[in-house]
């Protein structure tokens, strides 16, 4: 069981570092009030899921869920 805990801890540390890097790579959301109407009509606004920013948001969600699951599993006393 100690080997499993060590492997999960290493995965947890890698996930923490990766999550930090992905969050720092994302663009800021405070672009001003003028971008609210303008962004909705652009190509990138309609296809945000296919862009690099959409991939970063998706990766953030996946790594965030993995972070919480690993944190819960590592806190169990087995």
N, C-alpha and C. Protein backbone atom coordinates (compact mmCIF):
# COMPACT_ATOMS: atom_id res chain seq x y z
N UNK A 1 0.81 -1.21 0.00
CA UNK A 1 0.00 0.00 0.00
C UNK A 1 0.85 1.27 0.00
N UNK A 2 2.05 1.17 0.52
CA UNK A 2 2.94 2.33 0.55
C UNK A 2 3.38 2.71 -0.86
N UNK A 3 3.52 1.73 -1.73
CA UNK A 3 3.90 2.01 -3.13
C UNK A 3 2.78 2.76 -3.83
N UNK A 4 1.54 2.35 -3.60
CA UNK A 4 0.38 3.03 -4.19
C UNK A 4 0.30 4.47 -3.72
N UNK A 5 0.52 4.68 -2.44
CA UNK A 5 0.48 6.04 -1.90
C UNK A 5 1.59 6.90 -2.52
N UNK A 6 2.75 6.33 -2.71
CA UNK A 6 3.86 7.07 -3.32
C UNK A 6 3.55 7.42 -4.77
N UNK A 7 3.00 6.48 -5.51
CA UNK A 7 2.64 6.74 -6.92
C UNK A 7 1.57 7.81 -7.00
N UNK A 8 0.56 7.74 -6.14
CA UNK A 8 -0.50 8.75 -6.15
C UNK A 8 0.02 10.12 -5.74
N UNK A 9 0.97 10.15 -4.82
CA UNK A 9 1.57 11.42 -4.42
C UNK A 9 2.35 12.05 -5.56
N UNK A 10 3.10 11.23 -6.30
CA UNK A 10 3.84 11.75 -7.45
C UNK A 10 2.87 12.28 -8.51
N UNK A 11 1.80 11.55 -8.77
CA UNK A 11 0.78 12.02 -9.73
C UNK A 11 0.14 13.32 -9.26
N UNK A 12 -0.07 13.44 -7.96
CA UNK A 12 -0.66 14.64 -7.38
C UNK A 12 0.26 15.84 -7.58
N UNK A 13 1.54 15.66 -7.35
CA UNK A 13 2.50 16.76 -7.53
C UNK A 13 2.58 17.17 -9.00
N UNK A 14 2.61 16.19 -9.90
CA UNK A 14 2.65 16.49 -11.34
C UNK A 14 1.38 17.24 -11.75
N UNK A 15 0.23 16.83 -11.21
CA UNK A 15 -1.03 17.49 -11.52
C UNK A 15 -1.03 18.92 -11.00
N UNK A 16 -0.50 19.14 -9.81
CA UNK A 16 -0.42 20.49 -9.25
C UNK A 16 0.43 21.41 -10.12
N UNK A 17 1.57 20.93 -10.55
CA UNK A 17 2.46 21.73 -11.39
C UNK A 17 1.81 22.00 -12.74
N UNK A 18 1.23 20.97 -13.34
CA UNK A 18 0.57 21.13 -14.64
C UNK A 18 -0.61 22.07 -14.57
N UNK A 19 -1.39 21.98 -13.50
CA UNK A 19 -2.55 22.86 -13.33
C UNK A 19 -2.10 24.31 -13.19
N UNK A 20 -1.04 24.54 -12.46
CA UNK A 20 -0.50 25.90 -12.30
C UNK A 20 -0.04 26.46 -13.64
N UNK A 21 0.65 25.64 -14.43
CA UNK A 21 1.14 26.10 -15.73
C UNK A 21 -0.01 26.41 -16.67
N UNK A 22 -1.02 25.55 -16.70
CA UNK A 22 -2.15 25.77 -17.61
C UNK A 22 -2.94 27.01 -17.22
N UNK A 23 -3.11 27.25 -15.93
CA UNK A 23 -3.82 28.45 -15.49
C UNK A 23 -3.05 29.70 -15.88
N UNK A 24 -1.74 29.67 -15.73
CA UNK A 24 -0.93 30.84 -16.08
C UNK A 24 -0.88 31.08 -17.59
N UNK A 25 -1.10 30.06 -18.40
CA UNK A 25 -1.09 30.22 -19.85
C UNK A 25 -2.36 30.86 -20.40
N UNK A 26 -3.44 30.86 -19.62
CA UNK A 26 -4.71 31.38 -20.10
C UNK A 26 -4.69 32.90 -20.15
N UNK A 27 -5.50 33.45 -21.05
CA UNK A 27 -5.62 34.90 -21.18
C UNK A 27 -6.52 35.44 -20.09
N UNK A 28 -6.34 36.71 -19.78
CA UNK A 28 -7.20 37.36 -18.80
C UNK A 28 -8.60 37.58 -19.35
N UNK A 29 -9.59 37.57 -18.48
CA UNK A 29 -10.97 37.74 -18.92
C UNK A 29 -11.42 39.20 -18.82
N UNK A 30 -10.63 40.08 -18.26
CA UNK A 30 -11.03 41.48 -18.09
C UNK A 30 -10.52 42.31 -19.26
N UNK A 31 -11.22 42.26 -20.37
CA UNK A 31 -10.83 43.01 -21.55
C UNK A 31 -11.69 44.25 -21.72
N UNK A 32 -12.47 44.58 -20.75
CA UNK A 32 -13.28 45.78 -20.81
C UNK A 32 -14.69 45.51 -21.30
N UNK A 33 -15.55 46.50 -21.15
CA UNK A 33 -16.95 46.33 -21.55
C UNK A 33 -17.14 46.33 -23.06
N UNK A 34 -16.22 46.90 -23.80
CA UNK A 34 -16.34 46.94 -25.26
C UNK A 34 -16.21 45.58 -25.90
N UNK A 35 -15.60 44.65 -25.23
CA UNK A 35 -15.40 43.33 -25.82
C UNK A 35 -16.62 42.43 -25.66
N UNK A 36 -17.60 42.84 -24.87
CA UNK A 36 -18.77 41.99 -24.65
C UNK A 36 -19.56 41.83 -25.95
N UNK A 37 -19.86 42.90 -26.61
CA UNK A 37 -20.64 42.82 -27.85
C UNK A 37 -19.75 42.44 -29.03
N UNK A 38 -18.53 42.88 -29.04
CA UNK A 38 -17.65 42.63 -30.17
C UNK A 38 -17.20 41.18 -30.25
N UNK A 39 -17.01 40.54 -29.14
CA UNK A 39 -16.50 39.16 -29.15
C UNK A 39 -17.56 38.17 -29.62
N UNK A 40 -18.82 38.49 -29.42
CA UNK A 40 -19.88 37.55 -29.79
C UNK A 40 -20.00 37.39 -31.30
N UNK A 41 -19.57 38.37 -32.07
CA UNK A 41 -19.74 38.32 -33.52
C UNK A 41 -18.52 37.82 -34.26
N UNK A 42 -17.43 37.59 -33.59
CA UNK A 42 -16.21 37.18 -34.28
C UNK A 42 -16.17 35.67 -34.46
N UNK A 43 -15.27 35.27 -35.34
CA UNK A 43 -15.10 33.83 -35.60
C UNK A 43 -14.61 33.11 -34.35
N UNK A 44 -13.68 33.71 -33.63
CA UNK A 44 -13.11 33.04 -32.45
C UNK A 44 -14.14 32.99 -31.32
N UNK A 45 -15.06 33.92 -31.27
CA UNK A 45 -16.10 33.88 -30.25
C UNK A 45 -17.06 32.72 -30.48
N UNK A 46 -17.34 32.42 -31.74
CA UNK A 46 -18.25 31.33 -32.06
C UNK A 46 -17.59 29.96 -31.94
N UNK A 47 -16.30 29.88 -32.22
CA UNK A 47 -15.59 28.61 -32.22
C UNK A 47 -14.55 28.55 -31.10
N UNK A 48 -14.92 29.02 -29.93
CA UNK A 48 -13.98 29.08 -28.82
C UNK A 48 -13.55 27.68 -28.37
N UNK A 49 -14.41 26.69 -28.50
CA UNK A 49 -14.07 25.34 -28.10
C UNK A 49 -13.00 24.70 -28.94
N UNK A 50 -12.83 25.16 -30.17
CA UNK A 50 -11.83 24.59 -31.08
C UNK A 50 -10.51 25.34 -31.04
N UNK A 51 -10.46 26.46 -30.34
CA UNK A 51 -9.24 27.26 -30.32
C UNK A 51 -8.32 26.78 -29.20
N UNK A 52 -7.16 27.39 -29.14
CA UNK A 52 -6.19 27.06 -28.09
C UNK A 52 -6.75 27.43 -26.71
N UNK A 53 -7.45 28.53 -26.64
CA UNK A 53 -8.04 28.95 -25.36
C UNK A 53 -9.09 27.95 -24.90
N UNK A 54 -9.88 27.42 -25.83
CA UNK A 54 -10.87 26.41 -25.48
C UNK A 54 -10.22 25.13 -24.98
N UNK A 55 -9.10 24.76 -25.59
CA UNK A 55 -8.37 23.57 -25.14
C UNK A 55 -7.79 23.78 -23.75
N UNK A 56 -7.31 24.98 -23.47
CA UNK A 56 -6.78 25.27 -22.13
C UNK A 56 -7.88 25.23 -21.07
N UNK A 57 -9.05 25.74 -21.41
CA UNK A 57 -10.17 25.70 -20.46
C UNK A 57 -10.58 24.26 -20.18
N UNK A 58 -10.65 23.45 -21.22
CA UNK A 58 -11.01 22.04 -21.07
C UNK A 58 -9.96 21.30 -20.23
N UNK A 59 -8.69 21.55 -20.50
CA UNK A 59 -7.61 20.91 -19.74
C UNK A 59 -7.64 21.35 -18.28
N UNK A 60 -7.99 22.60 -18.03
CA UNK A 60 -8.09 23.09 -16.66
C UNK A 60 -9.19 22.36 -15.90
N UNK A 61 -10.31 22.14 -16.55
CA UNK A 61 -11.42 21.43 -15.90
C UNK A 61 -11.03 19.99 -15.58
N UNK A 62 -10.40 19.32 -16.53
CA UNK A 62 -10.01 17.93 -16.32
C UNK A 62 -8.97 17.81 -15.21
N UNK A 63 -7.97 18.68 -15.25
CA UNK A 63 -6.92 18.62 -14.23
C UNK A 63 -7.43 19.06 -12.87
N UNK A 64 -8.42 19.95 -12.84
CA UNK A 64 -9.03 20.34 -11.57
C UNK A 64 -9.78 19.19 -10.92
N UNK A 65 -10.53 18.46 -11.72
CA UNK A 65 -11.25 17.28 -11.20
C UNK A 65 -10.25 16.23 -10.72
N UNK A 66 -9.20 16.00 -11.49
CA UNK A 66 -8.16 15.05 -11.10
C UNK A 66 -7.49 15.49 -9.79
N UNK A 67 -7.28 16.78 -9.62
CA UNK A 67 -6.70 17.32 -8.40
C UNK A 67 -7.56 16.97 -7.19
N UNK A 68 -8.87 17.21 -7.29
CA UNK A 68 -9.76 16.93 -6.16
C UNK A 68 -9.87 15.44 -5.87
N UNK A 69 -9.93 14.63 -6.91
CA UNK A 69 -10.02 13.18 -6.71
C UNK A 69 -8.76 12.65 -6.03
N UNK A 70 -7.60 13.09 -6.53
CA UNK A 70 -6.34 12.63 -5.91
C UNK A 70 -6.22 13.14 -4.48
N UNK A 71 -6.65 14.36 -4.22
CA UNK A 71 -6.60 14.90 -2.86
C UNK A 71 -7.49 14.09 -1.92
N UNK A 72 -8.67 13.71 -2.38
CA UNK A 72 -9.57 12.89 -1.55
C UNK A 72 -9.00 11.50 -1.30
N UNK A 73 -8.46 10.89 -2.33
CA UNK A 73 -7.91 9.54 -2.18
C UNK A 73 -6.68 9.54 -1.27
N UNK A 74 -5.84 10.56 -1.38
CA UNK A 74 -4.65 10.61 -0.56
C UNK A 74 -4.96 10.89 0.91
N UNK A 75 -6.13 11.47 1.19
CA UNK A 75 -6.51 11.75 2.58
C UNK A 75 -7.20 10.58 3.26
N UNK A 76 -7.50 9.54 2.50
CA UNK A 76 -8.08 8.35 3.12
C UNK A 76 -7.02 7.62 3.92
N UNK A 77 -7.39 7.04 5.02
CA UNK A 77 -6.44 6.29 5.84
C UNK A 77 -6.54 4.81 5.51
N UNK A 78 -5.75 4.38 4.55
CA UNK A 78 -5.74 2.96 4.20
C UNK A 78 -4.38 2.37 4.36
